[in-house]
Amino acid sequence: MVPSLQLDTRVAPGCTTLVISGECDQDDVEVLEQALTVVEGSPPVLIVDVSRLLFGDSVLLHFLLSAQRAQTAAGGRLEVRGPLAPAVERLLRETGTYEAFTVTGAGDVA
């Protein structure tokens, strides 16, 4: 059975962490669009923790790029926290967007 997408938001002074776990695909567009409205008013630092995400496709990429645009427009910054699952790292590298993000914890997958 494929684990469905799960989101958990943690708010601390100056920082919001959005933990994404399971798998992210076309079926999750609405869920991520709702999450984007939540993070658009977030503090200066938005951490998107994908360390528990097993798979992500263009829906995930669109979400990350949109969240980064919103953070930049608000004068904040976005951090993508790993370790990244191989499928997620491949998505970012093959689309040429890996370098566009601040990725922490990459390369730590056991």
Protein backbone atom coordinates (compact mmCIF):
# COMPACT_ATOMS: atom_id res chain seq x y z
CA MET A 1 0.00 0.00 0.00
CA VAL A 2 1.30 3.46 -0.94
CA PRO A 3 1.42 5.88 1.99
CA SER A 4 -0.80 8.87 1.36
CA LEU A 5 0.47 12.41 1.65
CA GLN A 6 0.50 13.82 5.17
CA LEU A 7 1.27 17.37 6.23
CA ASP A 8 2.18 18.66 9.66
CA THR A 9 2.77 22.34 10.39
CA ARG A 10 4.89 23.49 13.31
CA VAL A 11 5.11 27.18 14.16
CA ALA A 12 7.85 28.70 16.29
CA PRO A 13 8.91 32.33 16.69
CA GLY A 14 10.38 33.44 13.35
CA CYS A 15 10.02 30.02 11.71
CA THR A 16 7.35 27.75 10.30
CA THR A 17 8.16 24.11 9.53
CA LEU A 18 5.97 22.17 7.14
CA VAL A 19 6.66 18.44 7.36
CA ILE A 20 5.58 16.53 4.25
CA SER A 21 5.51 12.74 4.47
CA GLY A 22 4.29 9.81 2.40
CA GLU A 23 4.09 10.25 -1.36
CA CYS A 24 3.19 13.35 -3.34
CA ASP A 25 1.60 13.14 -6.78
CA GLN A 26 -1.23 14.54 -8.92
CA ASP A 27 -3.84 13.38 -6.38
CA ASP A 28 -2.38 15.82 -3.85
CA VAL A 29 -2.66 19.10 -5.79
CA GLU A 30 -5.51 20.46 -3.65
CA VAL A 31 -3.82 19.51 -0.38
CA LEU A 32 -0.62 21.33 -1.34
CA GLU A 33 -2.54 24.34 -2.66
CA GLN A 34 -4.22 24.63 0.75
CA ALA A 35 -0.84 24.27 2.47
CA LEU A 36 0.52 27.07 0.29
CA THR A 37 -2.16 29.45 1.55
CA VAL A 38 -1.12 28.61 5.11
CA VAL A 39 2.60 29.18 4.51
CA GLU A 40 2.13 32.39 2.50
CA GLY A 41 1.67 34.30 5.74
CA SER A 42 4.48 32.48 7.50
CA PRO A 43 7.37 33.96 9.48
CA PRO A 44 10.63 34.96 7.74
CA VAL A 45 11.92 31.39 7.61
CA LEU A 46 9.89 28.56 6.08
CA ILE A 47 11.34 25.08 6.38
CA VAL A 48 9.81 22.42 4.17
CA ASP A 49 10.90 19.14 5.73
CA VAL A 50 10.77 16.39 3.10
CA SER A 51 12.87 13.89 5.05
CA ARG A 52 9.82 11.61 5.38
CA LEU A 53 8.70 12.01 1.78
CA LEU A 54 9.21 8.86 -0.29
CA PHE A 55 8.22 10.25 -3.70
CA GLY A 56 7.43 13.60 -5.28
CA ASP A 57 6.61 14.60 -8.83
CA SER A 58 5.92 17.90 -10.60
CA VAL A 59 3.22 18.69 -8.04
CA LEU A 60 5.86 18.80 -5.31
CA LEU A 61 8.18 20.84 -7.50
CA HIS A 62 5.44 23.36 -8.26
CA PHE A 63 4.65 23.65 -4.55
CA LEU A 64 8.30 24.23 -3.61
CA LEU A 65 8.80 26.85 -6.33
CA SER A 66 5.56 28.64 -5.38
CA ALA A 67 6.46 28.61 -1.69
CA GLN A 68 9.92 29.95 -2.49
CA ARG A 69 8.45 32.76 -4.62
CA ALA A 70 6.05 33.70 -1.81
CA GLN A 71 8.86 33.71 0.76
CA THR A 72 11.15 35.78 -1.44
CA ALA A 73 8.37 38.28 -2.18
CA ALA A 74 7.76 38.66 1.57
CA GLY A 75 11.48 39.13 2.27
CA GLY A 76 11.84 35.68 3.82
CA ARG A 77 13.63 32.52 2.85
CA LEU A 78 12.78 28.89 2.21
CA GLU A 79 14.83 25.90 3.30
CA VAL A 80 14.23 22.37 2.02
CA ARG A 81 15.25 19.94 4.74
CA GLY A 82 16.26 16.37 4.01
CA PRO A 83 17.68 13.87 3.80
CA LEU A 84 16.09 13.63 0.39
CA ALA A 85 14.65 10.37 -0.86
CA PRO A 86 16.35 9.33 -4.11
CA ALA A 87 13.19 10.11 -6.12
CA VAL A 88 12.94 13.62 -4.63
CA GLU A 89 16.62 14.39 -5.18
CA ARG A 90 16.39 13.10 -8.75
CA LEU A 91 13.35 15.34 -9.37
CA LEU A 92 15.23 18.43 -8.23
CA ARG A 93 18.45 17.57 -10.05
CA GLU A 94 16.87 16.49 -13.35
CA THR A 95 14.75 19.63 -13.51
CA GLY A 96 17.75 21.83 -12.74
CA THR A 97 16.12 23.25 -9.63
CA TYR A 98 18.27 21.63 -6.93
CA GLU A 99 20.62 24.62 -6.87
CA ALA A 100 17.67 27.03 -6.69
CA PHE A 101 16.85 25.83 -3.17
CA THR A 102 18.72 25.90 0.10
CA VAL A 103 18.81 22.15 0.76
CA THR A 104 19.99 20.96 4.17
CA GLY A 105 20.54 17.40 5.28
CA ALA A 106 21.02 16.16 1.70
CA GLY A 107 23.04 13.02 1.17
CA ASP A 108 22.20 11.60 4.59
CA VAL A 109 19.96 8.77 3.40
CA ALA A 110 21.20 5.48 4.83
